[in-house]
Protein backbone atom coordinates (compact mmCIF):
# COMPACT_ATOMS: atom_id res chain seq x y z
CA UNK A 1 -4.63 -19.22 -9.60
CA UNK A 2 -4.77 -22.67 -10.28
CA UNK A 3 -3.46 -24.90 -7.66
CA UNK A 4 -1.20 -22.88 -4.78
CA UNK A 5 0.45 -24.66 -2.20
CA UNK A 6 -0.74 -23.23 0.97
CA UNK A 7 2.56 -22.66 2.45
CA UNK A 8 3.57 -20.22 -0.51
CA UNK A 9 0.17 -17.89 -0.10
CA UNK A 10 1.17 -14.67 2.12
CA UNK A 11 -2.28 -12.63 1.41
CA UNK A 12 -5.47 -14.29 1.50
CA UNK A 13 -9.07 -13.07 1.81
CA UNK A 14 -12.01 -15.30 2.40
CA UNK A 15 -15.07 -13.94 1.46
CA UNK A 16 -14.64 -10.36 2.85
CA UNK A 17 -16.95 -7.90 3.45
CA UNK A 18 -16.45 -4.17 4.59
CA UNK A 19 -18.90 -1.73 5.06
CA UNK A 20 -18.81 1.59 6.36
CA UNK A 21 -21.39 3.72 8.04
CA UNK A 22 -21.87 7.17 6.63
CA UNK A 23 -22.86 9.93 8.81
CA UNK A 24 -24.19 13.23 7.66
CA UNK A 25 -21.36 15.47 9.86
CA UNK A 26 -18.58 15.05 12.32
CA UNK A 27 -21.07 15.84 15.20
CA UNK A 28 -23.34 13.20 13.86
CA UNK A 29 -20.50 10.48 13.85
CA UNK A 30 -19.39 11.91 17.91
CA UNK A 31 -22.70 11.56 18.88
CA UNK A 32 -22.71 7.91 17.14
CA UNK A 33 -19.89 6.99 19.96
CA UNK A 34 -22.66 7.41 22.84
CA UNK A 35 -25.84 6.20 20.99
CA UNK A 36 -27.09 3.96 18.27
CA UNK A 37 -30.05 5.85 17.37
CA UNK A 38 -28.06 8.83 15.38
CA UNK A 39 -28.55 7.86 11.96
CA UNK A 40 -26.33 6.66 9.16
CA UNK A 41 -26.05 5.63 5.65
CA UNK A 42 -24.62 2.17 4.67
CA UNK A 43 -21.63 1.99 2.26
CA UNK A 44 -20.81 -1.48 0.78
CA UNK A 45 -16.83 -0.79 -0.15
CA UNK A 46 -15.75 -4.39 -0.60
CA UNK A 47 -18.41 -7.31 -1.59
CA UNK A 48 -17.90 -10.95 -0.73
CA UNK A 49 -14.02 -10.49 -2.23
CA UNK A 50 -11.71 -13.98 -2.59
CA UNK A 51 -8.34 -13.84 -3.47
CA UNK A 52 -5.03 -15.46 -2.58
CA UNK A 53 -1.39 -13.96 -3.27
CA UNK A 54 1.49 -15.83 -3.52
CA UNK A 55 5.24 -15.25 -2.56
CA UNK A 56 7.14 -13.20 -5.15
CA UNK A 57 4.13 -12.40 -7.00
CA UNK A 58 2.97 -8.91 -8.64
CA UNK A 59 -0.65 -7.88 -9.12
CA UNK A 60 -1.96 -4.94 -9.76
CA UNK A 61 -5.49 -4.04 -8.71
CA UNK A 62 -7.16 -2.12 -11.30
CA UNK A 63 -10.68 0.00 -10.75
CA UNK A 64 -12.54 3.24 -10.80
CA UNK A 65 -12.58 5.38 -8.20
CA UNK A 66 -14.77 4.23 -5.10
CA UNK A 67 -14.53 0.81 -6.50
CA UNK A 68 -12.69 -0.62 -3.19
CA UNK A 69 -9.09 -1.11 -4.28
CA UNK A 70 -8.11 1.30 -1.44
CA UNK A 71 -10.12 -0.42 1.00
CA UNK A 72 -8.73 -3.71 0.34
CA UNK A 73 -4.97 -2.60 0.80
CA UNK A 74 -5.88 -0.65 4.12
CA UNK A 75 -7.76 -4.07 5.04
CA UNK A 76 -4.54 -6.22 4.32
CA UNK A 77 -2.01 -3.32 6.17
CA UNK A 78 -4.14 -3.60 9.35
CA UNK A 79 -5.54 0.18 8.87
CA UNK A 80 -8.88 -1.08 8.32
CA UNK A 81 -10.72 -4.14 9.45
CA UNK A 82 -13.17 -6.30 7.31
CA UNK A 83 -17.41 -6.56 8.64
CA UNK A 84 -16.98 -9.90 7.93
CA UNK A 85 -15.51 -12.74 6.05
CA UNK A 86 -11.42 -13.73 7.23
CA UNK A 87 -8.03 -12.21 6.12
CA UNK A 88 -4.83 -13.73 6.61
CA UNK A 89 -1.59 -11.78 5.56
CA UNK A 90 2.39 -13.52 6.25
CA UNK A 91 5.45 -11.24 6.45
CA UNK A 92 6.62 -8.02 7.01
CA UNK A 93 4.37 -5.29 5.29
CA UNK A 94 5.54 -2.22 3.62
CA UNK A 95 2.91 0.19 2.23
CA UNK A 96 3.67 3.08 0.16
CA UNK A 97 0.07 4.47 0.73
CA UNK A 98 0.10 8.15 2.55
CA UNK A 99 4.22 8.32 2.49
CA UNK A 100 4.58 10.80 4.81
CA UNK A 101 2.44 9.36 7.47
CA UNK A 102 4.69 8.37 10.83
CA UNK A 103 6.73 11.37 10.38
CA UNK A 104 7.02 13.17 13.59
CA UNK A 105 7.34 16.97 12.15
CA UNK A 106 9.53 18.19 14.99
CA UNK A 107 12.17 15.43 14.87
CA UNK A 108 14.75 15.30 12.04
CA UNK A 109 14.90 12.98 9.27
CA UNK A 110 17.10 10.85 10.67
CA UNK A 111 15.33 10.42 13.79
CA UNK A 112 12.22 9.99 11.82
CA UNK A 113 14.20 6.83 10.01
CA UNK A 114 14.40 5.41 13.37
CA UNK A 115 10.91 6.45 14.52
CA UNK A 116 9.53 4.39 11.11
CA UNK A 117 11.60 1.41 11.88
CA UNK A 118 10.68 0.99 15.09
CA UNK A 119 7.11 1.62 14.15
CA UNK A 120 7.04 -1.64 12.09
CA UNK A 121 9.08 -3.85 14.74
CA UNK A 122 12.93 -3.27 13.36
CA UNK A 123 15.49 -3.27 15.88
CA UNK A 124 17.51 -0.21 16.63
CA UNK A 125 20.58 -2.08 14.86
CA UNK A 126 18.59 -3.64 12.16
CA UNK A 127 17.90 0.24 11.56
CA UNK A 128 21.13 1.30 11.60
CA UNK A 129 22.47 -1.32 9.22
CA UNK A 130 20.17 0.12 6.31
CA UNK A 131 20.42 4.02 7.88
CA UNK A 132 22.89 5.14 5.25
CA UNK A 133 21.18 3.36 1.83
CA UNK A 134 18.06 5.12 2.98
CA UNK A 135 19.68 8.67 3.01
CA UNK A 136 21.69 8.41 -0.04
CA UNK A 137 18.18 6.87 -1.91
CA UNK A 138 16.42 9.82 -0.35
CA UNK A 139 18.61 12.59 -1.80
CA UNK A 140 17.84 15.00 1.26
CA UNK A 141 21.57 15.69 1.72
CA UNK A 142 22.54 18.00 4.30
CA UNK A 143 18.87 18.21 5.69
CA UNK A 144 18.42 14.51 6.53
CA UNK A 145 19.95 16.47 10.41
CA UNK A 146 16.95 19.21 9.90
CA UNK A 147 13.59 18.70 11.36
CA UNK A 148 11.26 17.21 8.85
CA UNK A 149 8.61 20.27 9.55
CA UNK A 150 11.07 22.33 7.46
CA UNK A 151 11.46 20.00 4.26
CA UNK A 152 9.54 20.68 1.56
CA UNK A 153 6.38 17.99 0.28
CA UNK A 154 8.76 16.63 -2.34
CA UNK A 155 11.47 15.58 -0.04
CA UNK A 156 9.34 14.15 2.85
CA UNK A 157 8.11 12.12 0.22
CA UNK A 158 11.33 11.26 -1.33
CA UNK A 159 12.67 10.34 2.53
CA UNK A 160 8.93 8.81 3.20
CA UNK A 161 9.32 6.25 -0.35
CA UNK A 162 13.00 5.55 0.50
CA UNK A 163 12.37 4.64 4.45
CA UNK A 164 9.52 1.79 3.10
CA UNK A 165 11.50 0.02 0.32
CA UNK A 166 14.64 0.14 2.54
CA UNK A 167 13.31 -2.15 5.51
CA UNK A 168 13.45 -4.99 3.65
CA UNK A 169 9.62 -5.77 3.35
CA UNK A 170 8.23 -9.31 2.40
CA UNK A 171 5.46 -7.83 0.86
CA UNK A 172 5.62 -4.16 -0.65
CA UNK A 173 1.92 -2.71 -0.64
CA UNK A 174 1.67 0.56 -3.73
CA UNK A 175 -0.93 3.03 -3.90
CA UNK A 176 0.10 5.73 -6.91
CA UNK A 177 3.19 6.21 -4.97
CA UNK A 178 5.55 6.13 -7.77
CA UNK A 179 4.73 9.66 -8.69
CA UNK A 180 6.86 10.95 -6.57
CA UNK A 181 9.66 13.37 -7.22
CA UNK A 182 11.21 14.40 -10.69
CA UNK A 183 11.70 11.90 -13.57
CA UNK A 184 15.14 10.86 -12.73
CA UNK A 185 13.47 10.13 -9.18
CA UNK A 186 10.68 8.34 -10.31
CA UNK A 187 12.92 5.90 -12.41
CA UNK A 188 15.08 5.60 -9.26
CA UNK A 189 11.97 4.14 -7.82
CA UNK A 190 11.11 1.99 -10.62
CA UNK A 191 14.46 0.30 -10.46
CA UNK A 192 14.17 -0.38 -6.46
CA UNK A 193 10.79 -2.07 -7.07
CA UNK A 194 12.20 -4.16 -9.81
CA UNK A 195 15.39 -5.48 -7.53
CA UNK A 196 12.98 -6.03 -4.81
CA UNK A 197 10.80 -8.47 -6.71
CA UNK A 198 13.34 -9.94 -8.92
CA UNK A 199 16.29 -10.22 -6.53
CA UNK A 200 14.24 -10.52 -3.08
CA UNK A 201 11.24 -12.22 -3.81
CA UNK A 202 9.27 -9.73 -2.43
CA UNK A 203 5.26 -9.75 -2.91
CA UNK A 204 3.60 -6.83 -5.04
CA UNK A 205 0.43 -5.54 -4.47
CA UNK A 206 -0.01 -2.30 -7.05
CA UNK A 207 -2.99 0.19 -7.00
CA UNK A 208 -2.53 2.05 -10.44
CA UNK A 209 -4.67 3.89 -13.12
CA UNK A 210 -1.62 3.79 -15.26
CA UNK A 211 -2.15 0.72 -17.02
CA UNK A 212 1.46 1.29 -18.66
CA UNK A 213 3.19 1.25 -15.56
CA UNK A 214 0.93 -1.94 -13.96
CA UNK A 215 2.20 -3.85 -17.24
CA UNK A 216 5.55 -2.89 -16.00
CA UNK A 217 5.71 -4.47 -12.70
CA UNK A 218 2.70 -6.85 -12.48
CA UNK A 219 2.15 -10.40 -14.96
CA UNK A 220 -1.75 -10.54 -12.80
CA UNK A 221 -4.41 -8.02 -12.90
CA UNK A 222 -7.34 -7.81 -10.69
CA UNK A 223 -10.25 -5.76 -12.06
CA UNK A 224 -12.67 -4.41 -9.42
CA UNK A 225 -16.00 -2.74 -9.75
CA UNK A 226 -18.30 -1.76 -6.96
CA UNK A 227 -16.74 -3.92 -4.34
CA UNK A 228 -16.53 -6.67 -6.67
CA UNK A 229 -13.68 -8.76 -8.62
CA UNK A 230 -15.29 -9.04 -12.13
CA UNK A 231 -11.58 -10.32 -13.73
CA UNK A 232 -8.57 -12.07 -12.18
CA UNK A 233 -5.98 -13.14 -14.41
CA UNK A 234 -3.32 -12.55 -16.55
CA UNK A 235 -2.36 -8.50 -16.81
CA UNK A 236 -3.32 -8.29 -20.28
CA UNK A 237 -6.72 -9.43 -20.17
CA UNK A 238 -6.97 -7.21 -17.22
CA UNK A 239 -5.60 -4.21 -18.89
CA UNK A 240 -7.84 -4.49 -22.05
CA UNK A 241 -11.19 -5.19 -19.52
CA UNK A 242 -10.03 -2.14 -17.69
CA UNK A 243 -9.94 -0.02 -20.45
CA UNK A 244 -13.16 -1.12 -22.20
CA UNK A 245 -15.22 -1.24 -18.68
CA UNK A 246 -13.96 2.13 -17.83
């Protein structure tokens, strides 16, 4: 998008391709570890994608299910890797993809805060400094010192959201996670993310089917279709194209 100072780029995709091997069943997938003769189908999930995101930008990625949106996010977070091409990411990434991933059900909520913090590279004193903020935000009250296996799915999701938005992220990846909790909690989540963007200059990459939410947070939109970017520009134009095509 126009002239960009390379020092200001925090996410960069350069001609990225991602192909998946689809096997008939789990047995075939297992056998493929030992033999290249096991038959499979190729799925081109991301097709020669190039884009960059600057520090502090809020970008919505729009597209139908299977368009390649989530694969792009997974490659940014390091969950998946490109088949070819180059990806560069600068900064601490917090991903609201699977809110409850990384939790140990046998540990308490408080212990899981430390576990998740350590997994992303925070030191114990850094986690301690934000521990109470996370607990207050999650609204799990006295359950914070109970094993996570005793939590409802909503409580686990709230704690997961609270951890991810309070760990001082530099890049925040959101994939439809804002539907968590009741209306009051969702509004609190919206306010928190707005604060991260406006006050902390956090970069936001947001995948959603809700064009209203995309407009609320983002000023730039990328429309993806069959693994390719078909539009990258202003959010209003992106939303209009997305609505017309889908």
